[in-house]
Amino acid sequence: MKNSIFKKYTLSTLFVICISTSASAQITFANDVNDQAPVAPIDGFVTVGIVAGAFLGLRKKFKD
């Protein structure tokens, strides 16, 4: 029983890894695109949000 569950999880994990490596977030453009927009910086407030989310998640995990 445990062996079949292990095989199922292993195969599903390998499947997800193989599918996710071929995924791309954006399509590619030709080299003739004139992109003059400035680069958008990642604000430092993102770090505060990540820390707050981690804190809330860990608090919920250990509270239950």
PDB file of N, CA and C in Angstrom:
ATOM      1  N   MET A   1       0.823  -1.192   0.000  1.00  0.00           N
ATOM      2  CA  MET A   1       0.000   0.000   0.000  1.00  0.00           C
ATOM      3  C   MET A   1       0.865   1.252   0.000  1.00  0.00           C
ATOM      4  N   LYS A   2       1.854   1.308   0.904  1.00  0.00           N
ATOM      5  CA  LYS A   2       2.711   2.473   0.975  1.00  0.00           C
ATOM      6  C   LYS A   2       3.562   2.612  -0.280  1.00  0.00           C
ATOM      7  N   ASN A   3       3.942   1.496  -0.865  1.00  0.00           N
ATOM      8  CA  ASN A   3       4.761   1.529  -2.069  1.00  0.00           C
ATOM      9  C   ASN A   3       3.989   2.142  -3.231  1.00  0.00           C
ATOM     10  N   SER A   4       2.692   1.821  -3.369  1.00  0.00           N
ATOM     11  CA  SER A   4       1.898   2.376  -4.460  1.00  0.00           C
ATOM     12  C   SER A   4       1.654   3.870  -4.251  1.00  0.00           C
ATOM     13  N   ILE A   5       1.476   4.298  -3.018  1.00  0.00           N
ATOM     14  CA  ILE A   5       1.302   5.722  -2.736  1.00  0.00           C
ATOM     15  C   ILE A   5       2.596   6.466  -3.053  1.00  0.00           C
ATOM     16  N   PHE A   6       3.726   5.876  -2.682  1.00  0.00           N
ATOM     17  CA  PHE A   6       5.017   6.494  -2.978  1.00  0.00           C
ATOM     18  C   PHE A   6       5.223   6.634  -4.486  1.00  0.00           C
ATOM     19  N   LYS A   7       4.861   5.601  -5.240  1.00  0.00           N
ATOM     20  CA  LYS A   7       4.999   5.655  -6.698  1.00  0.00           C
ATOM     21  C   LYS A   7       4.090   6.723  -7.292  1.00  0.00           C
ATOM     22  N   LYS A   8       2.867   6.838  -6.763  1.00  0.00           N
ATOM     23  CA  LYS A   8       1.920   7.819  -7.266  1.00  0.00           C
ATOM     24  C   LYS A   8       2.448   9.242  -7.034  1.00  0.00           C
ATOM     25  N   TYR A   9       2.941   9.522  -5.833  1.00  0.00           N
ATOM     26  CA  TYR A   9       3.469  10.848  -5.530  1.00  0.00           C
ATOM     27  C   TYR A   9       4.730  11.140  -6.339  1.00  0.00           C
ATOM     28  N   THR A  10       5.572  10.149  -6.518  1.00  0.00           N
ATOM     29  CA  THR A  10       6.799  10.344  -7.289  1.00  0.00           C
ATOM     30  C   THR A  10       6.483  10.638  -8.746  1.00  0.00           C
ATOM     31  N   LEU A  11       5.597   9.868  -9.344  1.00  0.00           N
ATOM     32  CA  LEU A  11       5.233  10.087 -10.745  1.00  0.00           C
ATOM     33  C   LEU A  11       4.522  11.427 -10.942  1.00  0.00           C
ATOM     34  N   SER A  12       3.641  11.795 -10.015  1.00  0.00           N
ATOM     35  CA  SER A  12       2.951  13.075 -10.159  1.00  0.00           C
ATOM     36  C   SER A  12       3.912  14.241  -9.972  1.00  0.00           C
ATOM     37  N   THR A  13       4.884  14.113  -9.086  1.00  0.00           N
ATOM     38  CA  THR A  13       5.881  15.171  -8.907  1.00  0.00           C
ATOM     39  C   THR A  13       6.755  15.306 -10.140  1.00  0.00           C
ATOM     40  N   LEU A  14       7.193  14.210 -10.698  1.00  0.00           N
ATOM     41  CA  LEU A  14       7.985  14.264 -11.928  1.00  0.00           C
ATOM     42  C   LEU A  14       7.186  14.854 -13.079  1.00  0.00           C
ATOM     43  N   PHE A  15       5.912  14.526 -13.160  1.00  0.00           N
ATOM     44  CA  PHE A  15       5.056  15.071 -14.205  1.00  0.00           C
ATOM     45  C   PHE A  15       4.949  16.585 -14.075  1.00  0.00           C
ATOM     46  N   VAL A  16       4.722  17.077 -12.873  1.00  0.00           N
ATOM     47  CA  VAL A  16       4.604  18.521 -12.657  1.00  0.00           C
ATOM     48  C   VAL A  16       5.919  19.222 -12.971  1.00  0.00           C
ATOM     49  N   ILE A  17       7.035  18.630 -12.587  1.00  0.00           N
ATOM     50  CA  ILE A  17       8.335  19.228 -12.873  1.00  0.00           C
ATOM     51  C   ILE A  17       8.586  19.299 -14.367  1.00  0.00           C
ATOM     52  N   CYS A  18       8.260  18.241 -15.088  1.00  0.00           N
ATOM     53  CA  CYS A  18       8.474  18.231 -16.541  1.00  0.00           C
ATOM     54  C   CYS A  18       7.575  19.233 -17.251  1.00  0.00           C
ATOM     55  N   ILE A  19       6.349  19.381 -16.811  1.00  0.00           N
ATOM     56  CA  ILE A  19       5.425  20.324 -17.436  1.00  0.00           C
ATOM     57  C   ILE A  19       5.839  21.755 -17.115  1.00  0.00           C
ATOM     58  N   SER A  20       6.263  22.020 -15.895  1.00  0.00           N
ATOM     59  CA  SER A  20       6.573  23.392 -15.502  1.00  0.00           C
ATOM     60  C   SER A  20       7.856  23.909 -16.142  1.00  0.00           C
ATOM     61  N   THR A  21       8.751  23.042 -16.557  1.00  0.00           N
ATOM     62  CA  THR A  21       9.976  23.524 -17.186  1.00  0.00           C
ATOM     63  C   THR A  21       9.721  24.067 -18.579  1.00  0.00           C
ATOM     64  N   SER A  22       8.665  23.614 -19.225  1.00  0.00           N
ATOM     65  CA  SER A  22       8.372  24.106 -20.566  1.00  0.00           C
ATOM     66  C   SER A  22       7.432  25.305 -20.558  1.00  0.00           C
ATOM     67  N   ALA A  23       6.915  25.688 -19.415  1.00  0.00           N
ATOM     68  CA  ALA A  23       6.002  26.822 -19.325  1.00  0.00           C
ATOM     69  C   ALA A  23       6.788  28.130 -19.354  1.00  0.00           C
ATOM     70  N   SER A  24       6.202  29.135 -19.991  1.00  0.00           N
ATOM     71  CA  SER A  24       6.831  30.449 -20.008  1.00  0.00           C
ATOM     72  C   SER A  24       5.796  31.496 -19.638  1.00  0.00           C
ATOM     73  N   ALA A  25       6.239  32.549 -18.984  1.00  0.00           N
ATOM     74  CA  ALA A  25       5.318  33.559 -18.496  1.00  0.00           C
ATOM     75  C   ALA A  25       4.913  34.546 -19.582  1.00  0.00           C
ATOM     76  N   GLN A  26       5.773  34.819 -20.530  1.00  0.00           N
ATOM     77  CA  GLN A  26       5.488  35.801 -21.560  1.00  0.00           C
ATOM     78  C   GLN A  26       5.866  35.244 -22.917  1.00  0.00           C
ATOM     79  N   ILE A  27       5.174  35.746 -23.915  1.00  0.00           N
ATOM     80  CA  ILE A  27       5.525  35.360 -25.273  1.00  0.00           C
ATOM     81  C   ILE A  27       6.754  36.144 -25.697  1.00  0.00           C
ATOM     82  N   THR A  28       7.466  35.651 -26.659  1.00  0.00           N
ATOM     83  CA  THR A  28       8.646  36.358 -27.142  1.00  0.00           C
ATOM     84  C   THR A  28       8.251  37.285 -28.284  1.00  0.00           C
ATOM     85  N   PHE A  29       8.907  38.414 -28.362  1.00  0.00           N
ATOM     86  CA  PHE A  29       8.648  39.401 -29.393  1.00  0.00           C
ATOM     87  C   PHE A  29       9.811  39.416 -30.377  1.00  0.00           C
ATOM     88  N   ALA A  30       9.548  39.980 -31.524  1.00  0.00           N
ATOM     89  CA  ALA A  30      10.603  40.161 -32.507  1.00  0.00           C
ATOM     90  C   ALA A  30      11.583  41.222 -32.010  1.00  0.00           C
ATOM     91  N   ASN A  31      12.757  41.285 -32.603  1.00  0.00           N
ATOM     92  CA  ASN A  31      13.778  42.233 -32.162  1.00  0.00           C
ATOM     93  C   ASN A  31      13.488  43.669 -32.574  1.00  0.00           C
ATOM     94  N   ASP A  32      12.460  43.902 -33.371  1.00  0.00           N
ATOM     95  CA  ASP A  32      12.180  45.258 -33.830  1.00  0.00           C
ATOM     96  C   ASP A  32      11.253  46.041 -32.901  1.00  0.00           C
ATOM     97  N   VAL A  33      11.002  45.544 -31.695  1.00  0.00           N
ATOM     98  CA  VAL A  33      10.147  46.237 -30.740  1.00  0.00           C
ATOM     99  C   VAL A  33      10.932  47.392 -30.129  1.00  0.00           C
ATOM    100  N   ASN A  34      10.343  48.592 -30.165  1.00  0.00           N
ATOM    101  CA  ASN A  34      10.978  49.783 -29.611  1.00  0.00           C
ATOM    102  C   ASN A  34      10.419  49.996 -28.208  1.00  0.00           C
ATOM    103  N   ASP A  35      11.097  49.457 -27.229  1.00  0.00           N
ATOM    104  CA  ASP A  35      10.623  49.513 -25.848  1.00  0.00           C
ATOM    105  C   ASP A  35      11.386  50.601 -25.103  1.00  0.00           C
ATOM    106  N   GLN A  36      10.757  51.748 -24.932  1.00  0.00           N
ATOM    107  CA  GLN A  36      11.405  52.873 -24.266  1.00  0.00           C
ATOM    108  C   GLN A  36      10.878  53.101 -22.852  1.00  0.00           C
ATOM    109  N   ALA A  37      10.030  52.238 -22.361  1.00  0.00           N
ATOM    110  CA  ALA A  37       9.474  52.396 -21.020  1.00  0.00           C
ATOM    111  C   ALA A  37      10.554  52.129 -19.979  1.00  0.00           C
ATOM    112  N   PRO A  38      10.558  52.905 -18.896  1.00  0.00           N
ATOM    113  CA  PRO A  38      11.556  52.653 -17.847  1.00  0.00           C
ATOM    114  C   PRO A  38      11.247  51.357 -17.100  1.00  0.00           C
ATOM    115  N   VAL A  39      12.268  50.789 -16.539  1.00  0.00           N
ATOM    116  CA  VAL A  39      12.117  49.536 -15.801  1.00  0.00           C
ATOM    117  C   VAL A  39      11.430  49.836 -14.471  1.00  0.00           C
ATOM    118  N   ALA A  40      10.446  49.028 -14.115  1.00  0.00           N
ATOM    119  CA  ALA A  40       9.725  49.210 -12.858  1.00  0.00           C
ATOM    120  C   ALA A  40      10.489  48.504 -11.737  1.00  0.00           C
ATOM    121  N   PRO A  41      10.936  49.248 -10.734  1.00  0.00           N
ATOM    122  CA  PRO A  41      11.682  48.618  -9.637  1.00  0.00           C
ATOM    123  C   PRO A  41      10.748  47.860  -8.693  1.00  0.00           C
ATOM    124  N   ILE A  42      11.293  46.861  -8.030  1.00  0.00           N
ATOM    125  CA  ILE A  42      10.534  46.143  -7.013  1.00  0.00           C
ATOM    126  C   ILE A  42      10.687  46.920  -5.717  1.00  0.00           C
ATOM    127  N   ASP A  43       9.577  47.354  -5.194  1.00  0.00           N
ATOM    128  CA  ASP A  43       9.566  48.185  -3.995  1.00  0.00           C
ATOM    129  C   ASP A  43       9.955  47.362  -2.771  1.00  0.00           C
ATOM    130  N   GLY A  44      10.503  48.003  -1.770  1.00  0.00           N
ATOM    131  CA  GLY A  44      10.883  47.328  -0.543  1.00  0.00           C
ATOM    132  C   GLY A  44       9.690  46.855   0.265  1.00  0.00           C
ATOM    133  N   PHE A  45       8.502  47.381  -0.048  1.00  0.00           N
ATOM    134  CA  PHE A  45       7.304  46.989   0.686  1.00  0.00           C
ATOM    135  C   PHE A  45       6.906  45.549   0.389  1.00  0.00           C
ATOM    136  N   VAL A  46       7.393  45.000  -0.728  1.00  0.00           N
ATOM    137  CA  VAL A  46       7.116  43.603  -1.054  1.00  0.00           C
ATOM    138  C   VAL A  46       7.721  42.693   0.013  1.00  0.00           C
ATOM    139  N   THR A  47       8.886  43.049   0.493  1.00  0.00           N
ATOM    140  CA  THR A  47       9.535  42.256   1.545  1.00  0.00           C
ATOM    141  C   THR A  47       8.697  42.252   2.817  1.00  0.00           C
ATOM    142  N   VAL A  48       8.114  43.390   3.152  1.00  0.00           N
ATOM    143  CA  VAL A  48       7.262  43.465   4.343  1.00  0.00           C
ATOM    144  C   VAL A  48       6.048  42.543   4.179  1.00  0.00           C
ATOM    145  N   GLY A  49       5.474  42.512   2.998  1.00  0.00           N
ATOM    146  CA  GLY A  49       4.333  41.639   2.742  1.00  0.00           C
ATOM    147  C   GLY A  49       4.695  40.162   2.835  1.00  0.00           C
ATOM    148  N   ILE A  50       5.866  39.810   2.326  1.00  0.00           N
ATOM    149  CA  ILE A  50       6.308  38.410   2.397  1.00  0.00           C
ATOM    150  C   ILE A  50       6.545  37.998   3.848  1.00  0.00           C
ATOM    151  N   VAL A  51       7.175  38.870   4.621  1.00  0.00           N
ATOM    152  CA  VAL A  51       7.424  38.563   6.037  1.00  0.00           C
ATOM    153  C   VAL A  51       6.110  38.452   6.796  1.00  0.00           C
ATOM    154  N   ALA A  52       5.162  39.352   6.525  1.00  0.00           N
ATOM    155  CA  ALA A  52       3.862  39.292   7.205  1.00  0.00           C
ATOM    156  C   ALA A  52       3.115  38.011   6.830  1.00  0.00           C
ATOM    157  N   GLY A  53       3.155  37.628   5.573  1.00  0.00           N
ATOM    158  CA  GLY A  53       2.496  36.392   5.148  1.00  0.00           C
ATOM    159  C   GLY A  53       3.122  35.169   5.773  1.00  0.00           C
ATOM    160  N   ALA A  54       4.450  35.151   5.869  1.00  0.00           N
ATOM    161  CA  ALA A  54       5.132  34.030   6.507  1.00  0.00           C
ATOM    162  C   ALA A  54       4.773  33.952   7.989  1.00  0.00           C
ATOM    163  N   PHE A  55       4.713  35.102   8.646  1.00  0.00           N
ATOM    164  CA  PHE A  55       4.356  35.140  10.058  1.00  0.00           C
ATOM    165  C   PHE A  55       2.944  34.605  10.280  1.00  0.00           C
ATOM    166  N   LEU A  56       1.994  35.075   9.463  1.00  0.00           N
ATOM    167  CA  LEU A  56       0.618  34.623   9.631  1.00  0.00           C
ATOM    168  C   LEU A  56       0.469  33.130   9.320  1.00  0.00           C
ATOM    169  N   GLY A  57       1.176  32.659   8.308  1.00  0.00           N
ATOM    170  CA  GLY A  57       1.106  31.244   7.965  1.00  0.00           C
ATOM    171  C   GLY A  57       1.693  30.360   9.051  1.00  0.00           C
ATOM    172  N   LEU A  58       2.846  30.756   9.581  1.00  0.00           N
ATOM    173  CA  LEU A  58       3.456  29.960  10.650  1.00  0.00           C
ATOM    174  C   LEU A  58       2.639  30.013  11.925  1.00  0.00           C
ATOM    175  N   ARG A  59       2.055  31.170  12.224  1.00  0.00           N
ATOM    176  CA  ARG A  59       1.208  31.278  13.403  1.00  0.00           C
ATOM    177  C   ARG A  59      -0.003  30.369  13.298  1.00  0.00           C
ATOM    178  N   LYS A  60      -0.599  30.329  12.117  1.00  0.00           N
ATOM    179  CA  LYS A  60      -1.767  29.448  11.927  1.00  0.00           C
ATOM    180  C   LYS A  60      -1.366  27.984  12.008  1.00  0.00           C
ATOM    181  N   LYS A  61      -0.195  27.659  11.457  1.00  0.00           N
ATOM    182  CA  LYS A  61       0.254  26.263  11.467  1.00  0.00           C
ATOM    183  C   LYS A  61       0.496  25.768  12.893  1.00  0.00           C
ATOM    184  N   PHE A  62       1.156  26.585  13.704  1.00  0.00           N
ATOM    185  CA  PHE A  62       1.480  26.149  15.061  1.00  0.00           C
ATOM    186  C   PHE A  62       0.337  26.346  16.058  1.00  0.00           C
ATOM    187  N   LYS A  63      -0.650  27.160  15.686  1.00  0.00           N
ATOM    188  CA  LYS A  63      -1.795  27.379  16.576  1.00  0.00           C
ATOM    189  C   LYS A  63      -2.716  26.168  16.598  1.00  0.00           C
ATOM    190  N   ASP A  64      -2.876  25.514  15.469  1.00  0.00           N
ATOM    191  CA  ASP A  64      -3.790  24.364  15.381  1.00  0.00           C
ATOM    192  C   ASP A  64      -3.196  23.108  15.917  1.00  0.00           C
TER     193      ASP A  64
END
